[in-house]
Amino acid sequence: MNLHEELMLMLIVLSALLYAVSFVTALAGHDRLSFRVFAAAWLVNAMVIAGNYLLCGHPPFGNMYHVLCFLSLCFLPFYLFVERRHGLGWTMRYFSFASVIPLIGTFFLERDLAWQRIPALQSPWFVPHVLSYMIAYATAAVAFLLMVIGLWQRVDCRQRWSDASLQIMRVAFPFMTFGLWSGALWAEEAWGIYWSWDPKETWSLITWTLYLVYFHCQSVPAKRRLAPWAQILAFAALLITFLVVNLLPKFANTLHSYA
């Protein structure tokens, strides 16, 4: 491990620890301190992204190590948005908790710090496509977490959690839609075809469709009790899209094998 790798690892560990401390202090009821620690963790996380950018010479979104580092960065800005727009300040602890998970995931991956873009990725669509999906995935994870916790609450309290999950998904879904749409345009530019039923494309479409089913269930009172099940299926499909398709060796030679 060279000096750059050691420095990045130290920053990742520090950021993950600070995110965890933010979560614990929020559980203890110290919301103001929790937010300050959350912000400090985010700044250290941003230093990791900046370091990856400098080592690559371009936006570091091309492998799972880079993507997971950036994924953790998405939670705080989105929390600030939903806190101010929807009054969901009480959800901060769940955003800080979710921020820890991707950074822990980087410990199990090869840190390809000097990753270089292949020709297919040298497109104006590269950053907006990946960025939109990272925002969508991060926020969908928090929405799922809130839904699951809500299922364990008293019956008279569950609606609050369900509503919060729905509000977050309503903001996340347009980013997911843009990611799907921009991916098709990018594919046409790179390979001359909008859609090739590549495993990642297919599972992205399945995920998007299942979230549509979830919204439908939420909008129809008679089907609202099915909404949690639709959300569970949708998030499971999201995990397959993001993790299984990327990491399983059998998909190593697909069009998205570089992602």
Protein backbone atom coordinates (compact mmCIF):
# COMPACT_ATOMS: atom_id res chain seq x y z
CA MET A 1 0.00 0.00 0.00
CA ASN A 2 1.54 3.31 -1.09
CA LEU A 3 1.27 6.69 0.62
CA HIS A 4 -1.78 7.78 -1.39
CA GLU A 5 -3.67 4.59 -0.56
CA GLU A 6 -2.79 4.90 3.14
CA LEU A 7 -3.98 8.51 3.21
CA MET A 8 -7.27 7.68 1.47
CA LEU A 9 -7.84 4.76 3.83
CA MET A 10 -7.23 6.95 6.88
CA LEU A 11 -9.68 9.56 5.61
CA ILE A 12 -12.32 6.93 4.84
CA VAL A 13 -11.97 5.41 8.32
CA LEU A 14 -12.18 8.86 9.94
CA SER A 15 -15.23 9.82 7.91
CA ALA A 16 -17.00 6.52 8.70
CA LEU A 17 -16.27 6.93 12.41
CA LEU A 18 -17.61 10.47 12.41
CA TYR A 19 -20.78 9.40 10.61
CA ALA A 20 -21.23 6.68 13.25
CA VAL A 21 -20.66 9.16 16.09
CA SER A 22 -23.25 11.47 14.52
CA PHE A 23 -25.76 8.62 14.51
CA VAL A 24 -25.07 7.69 18.14
CA THR A 25 -25.26 11.29 19.38
CA ALA A 26 -28.57 11.72 17.55
CA LEU A 27 -29.91 8.61 19.28
CA ALA A 28 -28.85 10.18 22.58
CA GLY A 29 -30.92 13.25 21.77
CA HIS A 30 -28.05 15.65 21.07
CA ASP A 31 -29.31 16.78 17.68
CA ARG A 32 -27.23 19.94 17.39
CA LEU A 33 -23.99 18.12 18.19
CA SER A 34 -25.02 15.28 15.91
CA PHE A 35 -25.46 17.65 12.99
CA ARG A 36 -22.05 19.24 13.58
CA VAL A 37 -20.38 15.84 13.61
CA PHE A 38 -22.40 14.86 10.53
CA ALA A 39 -21.09 17.97 8.74
CA ALA A 40 -17.50 17.21 9.84
CA ALA A 41 -17.82 13.65 8.53
CA TRP A 42 -19.15 15.02 5.24
CA LEU A 43 -16.17 17.36 4.88
CA VAL A 44 -13.72 14.49 5.43
CA ASN A 45 -15.73 12.43 2.94
CA ALA A 46 -15.44 15.30 0.46
CA MET A 47 -11.66 15.24 0.94
CA VAL A 48 -11.70 11.59 -0.13
CA ILE A 49 -13.61 12.50 -3.29
CA ALA A 50 -11.22 15.38 -3.99
CA GLY A 51 -8.23 13.07 -3.51
CA ASN A 52 -9.72 10.48 -5.85
CA TYR A 53 -10.39 13.21 -8.40
CA LEU A 54 -6.81 14.47 -8.27
CA LEU A 55 -5.40 10.97 -8.66
CA CYS A 56 -7.70 10.17 -11.61
CA GLY A 57 -7.68 13.56 -13.31
CA HIS A 58 -11.44 13.31 -13.93
CA PRO A 59 -14.65 12.64 -11.95
CA PRO A 60 -14.03 9.41 -9.99
CA PHE A 61 -17.19 7.46 -10.76
CA GLY A 62 -15.86 4.53 -12.75
CA ASN A 63 -15.51 1.69 -10.25
CA MET A 64 -17.31 0.49 -7.14
CA TYR A 65 -14.73 1.93 -4.75
CA HIS A 66 -15.14 5.42 -6.20
CA VAL A 67 -18.92 5.14 -6.42
CA LEU A 68 -19.32 4.00 -2.80
CA CYS A 69 -17.13 6.87 -1.59
CA PHE A 70 -19.34 9.31 -3.47
CA LEU A 71 -22.56 7.61 -2.41
CA SER A 72 -21.84 8.46 1.24
CA LEU A 73 -21.44 12.08 0.22
CA CYS A 74 -25.02 12.27 -1.08
CA PHE A 75 -26.86 11.83 2.20
CA LEU A 76 -26.18 15.11 4.02
CA PRO A 77 -27.15 17.47 1.14
CA PHE A 78 -30.33 15.52 0.58
CA TYR A 79 -31.12 15.53 4.30
CA LEU A 80 -30.80 19.32 4.32
CA PHE A 81 -33.21 19.49 1.38
CA VAL A 82 -35.92 17.30 2.91
CA GLU A 83 -35.47 18.94 6.31
CA ARG A 84 -36.15 22.39 4.90
CA ARG A 85 -38.64 21.41 2.21
CA HIS A 86 -40.66 18.79 4.07
CA GLY A 87 -39.85 19.37 7.75
CA LEU A 88 -38.21 15.97 8.19
CA GLY A 89 -35.50 17.07 10.61
CA TRP A 90 -36.22 14.06 12.82
CA THR A 91 -34.83 11.75 10.10
CA MET A 92 -31.23 13.02 10.46
CA ARG A 93 -30.06 9.99 12.45
CA TYR A 94 -31.11 7.68 9.63
CA PHE A 95 -29.26 9.72 7.02
CA SER A 96 -26.08 9.66 9.13
CA PHE A 97 -26.47 5.91 9.70
CA ALA A 98 -26.93 5.29 5.98
CA SER A 99 -23.79 7.33 5.26
CA VAL A 100 -21.64 4.82 7.13
CA ILE A 101 -22.65 1.76 5.11
CA PRO A 102 -21.07 2.61 1.70
CA LEU A 103 -17.78 3.58 3.35
CA ILE A 104 -17.66 0.25 5.17
CA GLY A 105 -18.22 -1.38 1.79
CA THR A 106 -15.05 0.22 0.42
CA PHE A 107 -12.96 -1.82 2.89
CA PHE A 108 -13.83 -4.96 0.93
CA LEU A 109 -13.01 -3.58 -2.51
CA GLU A 110 -9.79 -3.01 -4.39
CA ARG A 111 -9.00 0.70 -4.23
CA ASP A 112 -8.18 1.50 -7.85
CA LEU A 113 -7.23 5.10 -7.12
CA ALA A 114 -5.76 5.92 -10.52
CA TRP A 115 -8.68 4.54 -12.56
CA GLN A 116 -8.79 5.82 -16.15
CA ARG A 117 -11.90 6.29 -18.27
CA ILE A 118 -12.34 3.99 -21.23
CA PRO A 119 -13.52 5.63 -24.51
CA ALA A 120 -17.19 4.73 -23.94
CA LEU A 121 -17.15 6.74 -20.70
CA GLN A 122 -15.66 9.87 -22.26
CA SER A 123 -19.04 11.45 -22.79
CA PRO A 124 -20.88 14.53 -21.47
CA TRP A 125 -23.50 12.09 -20.16
CA PHE A 126 -21.03 10.40 -17.81
CA VAL A 127 -21.30 12.72 -14.79
CA PRO A 128 -25.04 13.55 -14.89
CA HIS A 129 -26.00 9.91 -15.49
CA VAL A 130 -23.95 8.54 -12.60
CA LEU A 131 -24.70 11.48 -10.31
CA SER A 132 -28.46 11.16 -10.79
CA TYR A 133 -28.38 7.47 -9.97
CA MET A 134 -26.22 8.01 -6.89
CA ILE A 135 -28.70 10.55 -5.53
CA ALA A 136 -31.61 8.23 -6.34
CA TYR A 137 -29.98 5.19 -4.73
CA ALA A 138 -28.92 7.07 -1.59
CA THR A 139 -32.35 8.54 -1.00
CA ALA A 140 -34.16 5.30 -1.85
CA ALA A 141 -32.04 3.58 0.81
CA VAL A 142 -33.14 6.06 3.48
CA ALA A 143 -36.77 5.80 2.34
CA PHE A 144 -36.54 2.01 2.64
CA LEU A 145 -34.97 2.27 6.09
CA LEU A 146 -37.77 4.54 7.31
CA MET A 147 -40.41 2.21 5.90
CA VAL A 148 -38.90 -0.84 7.63
CA ILE A 149 -38.57 0.96 10.98
CA GLY A 150 -42.14 2.21 10.60
CA LEU A 151 -43.42 -1.35 10.34
CA TRP A 152 -42.16 -1.97 13.88
CA GLN A 153 -43.91 1.08 15.35
CA ARG A 154 -47.29 1.18 17.04
CA VAL A 155 -50.16 1.13 14.56
CA ASP A 156 -51.09 4.73 15.34
CA CYS A 157 -47.50 5.89 14.62
CA ARG A 158 -46.86 4.02 11.38
CA GLN A 159 -48.40 6.62 9.09
CA ARG A 160 -45.76 9.20 10.04
CA TRP A 161 -42.98 6.88 8.91
CA SER A 162 -44.81 5.83 5.77
CA ASP A 163 -45.45 9.46 4.82
CA ALA A 164 -41.79 10.39 5.37
CA SER A 165 -40.66 7.46 3.23
CA LEU A 166 -43.10 8.46 0.49
CA GLN A 167 -42.00 12.12 0.53
CA ILE A 168 -38.37 11.10 0.17
CA MET A 169 -39.14 8.70 -2.69
CA ARG A 170 -41.11 11.40 -4.50
CA VAL A 171 -37.95 13.48 -4.61
CA ALA A 172 -35.72 10.51 -5.45
CA PHE A 173 -37.78 9.07 -8.29
CA PRO A 174 -37.18 11.91 -10.81
CA PHE A 175 -33.43 11.36 -10.39
CA MET A 176 -33.92 7.65 -11.06
CA THR A 177 -36.00 8.49 -14.12
CA PHE A 178 -33.36 10.88 -15.44
CA GLY A 179 -30.70 8.23 -14.88
CA LEU A 180 -32.65 5.71 -16.95
CA TRP A 181 -33.40 8.24 -19.70
CA SER A 182 -29.87 9.64 -19.88
CA GLY A 183 -28.45 6.12 -19.95
CA ALA A 184 -30.48 5.32 -23.06
CA LEU A 185 -29.29 8.49 -24.80
CA TRP A 186 -25.71 7.76 -23.79
CA ALA A 187 -25.99 4.17 -25.08
CA GLU A 188 -27.17 5.43 -28.46
CA GLU A 189 -24.20 7.81 -28.59
CA ALA A 190 -21.65 5.16 -27.53
CA TRP A 191 -22.98 1.99 -29.16
CA GLY A 192 -25.57 3.16 -31.68
CA ILE A 193 -28.54 1.61 -29.87
CA TYR A 194 -30.78 3.03 -27.17
CA TRP A 195 -31.45 -0.27 -25.43
CA SER A 196 -29.67 -3.62 -25.56
CA TRP A 197 -31.21 -5.50 -22.60
CA ASP A 198 -27.84 -5.60 -20.91
CA PRO A 199 -28.31 -7.01 -17.34
CA LYS A 200 -27.79 -3.62 -15.71
CA GLU A 201 -30.20 -1.92 -18.12
CA THR A 202 -32.78 -4.63 -17.55
CA TRP A 203 -32.57 -4.50 -13.77
CA SER A 204 -32.63 -0.69 -13.82
CA LEU A 205 -35.91 -0.85 -15.74
CA ILE A 206 -37.30 -3.47 -13.35
CA THR A 207 -36.37 -1.25 -10.39
CA TRP A 208 -37.97 1.82 -11.96
CA THR A 209 -41.15 -0.13 -12.77
CA LEU A 210 -41.44 -1.54 -9.24
CA TYR A 211 -41.17 1.95 -7.78
CA LEU A 212 -44.02 2.98 -10.10
CA VAL A 213 -46.03 0.11 -8.61
CA TYR A 214 -45.15 1.41 -5.14
CA PHE A 215 -46.41 4.91 -6.01
CA HIS A 216 -49.58 3.41 -7.46
CA CYS A 217 -50.22 1.46 -4.26
CA GLN A 218 -49.68 4.59 -2.18
CA SER A 219 -52.11 6.59 -4.31
CA VAL A 220 -54.98 4.08 -4.12
CA PRO A 221 -56.40 3.74 -0.57
CA ALA A 222 -57.58 0.18 -1.16
CA LYS A 223 -54.05 -0.88 -2.16
CA ARG A 224 -52.05 1.17 0.36
CA ARG A 225 -51.44 -1.85 2.58
CA LEU A 226 -49.51 -3.38 -0.34
CA ALA A 227 -47.16 -0.38 -0.64
CA PRO A 228 -44.54 -1.72 1.83
CA TRP A 229 -44.31 -4.97 -0.10
CA ALA A 230 -43.92 -3.09 -3.37
CA GLN A 231 -41.19 -0.96 -1.80
CA ILE A 232 -39.38 -4.05 -0.49
CA LEU A 233 -39.41 -5.60 -3.97
CA ALA A 234 -38.28 -2.33 -5.56
CA PHE A 235 -35.38 -1.90 -3.15
CA ALA A 236 -34.35 -5.53 -3.60
CA ALA A 237 -34.24 -4.92 -7.36
CA LEU A 238 -32.19 -1.77 -6.72
CA LEU A 239 -29.63 -3.78 -4.74
CA ILE A 240 -29.42 -6.31 -7.56
CA THR A 241 -28.88 -3.48 -10.05
CA PHE A 242 -26.26 -1.70 -7.99
CA LEU A 243 -24.38 -4.53 -6.30
CA VAL A 244 -25.11 -7.97 -7.74
CA VAL A 245 -24.84 -7.03 -11.42
CA ASN A 246 -21.64 -5.08 -10.74
CA LEU A 247 -19.89 -7.63 -8.55
CA LEU A 248 -20.86 -11.08 -9.84
CA PRO A 249 -18.17 -12.56 -12.13
CA LYS A 250 -20.80 -13.87 -14.57
CA PHE A 251 -21.55 -10.25 -15.57
CA ALA A 252 -17.89 -9.32 -16.06
CA ASN A 253 -18.15 -9.13 -19.86
CA THR A 254 -21.38 -7.15 -20.13
CA LEU A 255 -21.61 -3.61 -21.49
CA HIS A 256 -21.62 -2.23 -17.95
CA SER A 257 -18.74 -4.37 -16.67
CA TYR A 258 -16.62 -1.25 -16.10
CA ALA A 259 -19.16 0.27 -13.69
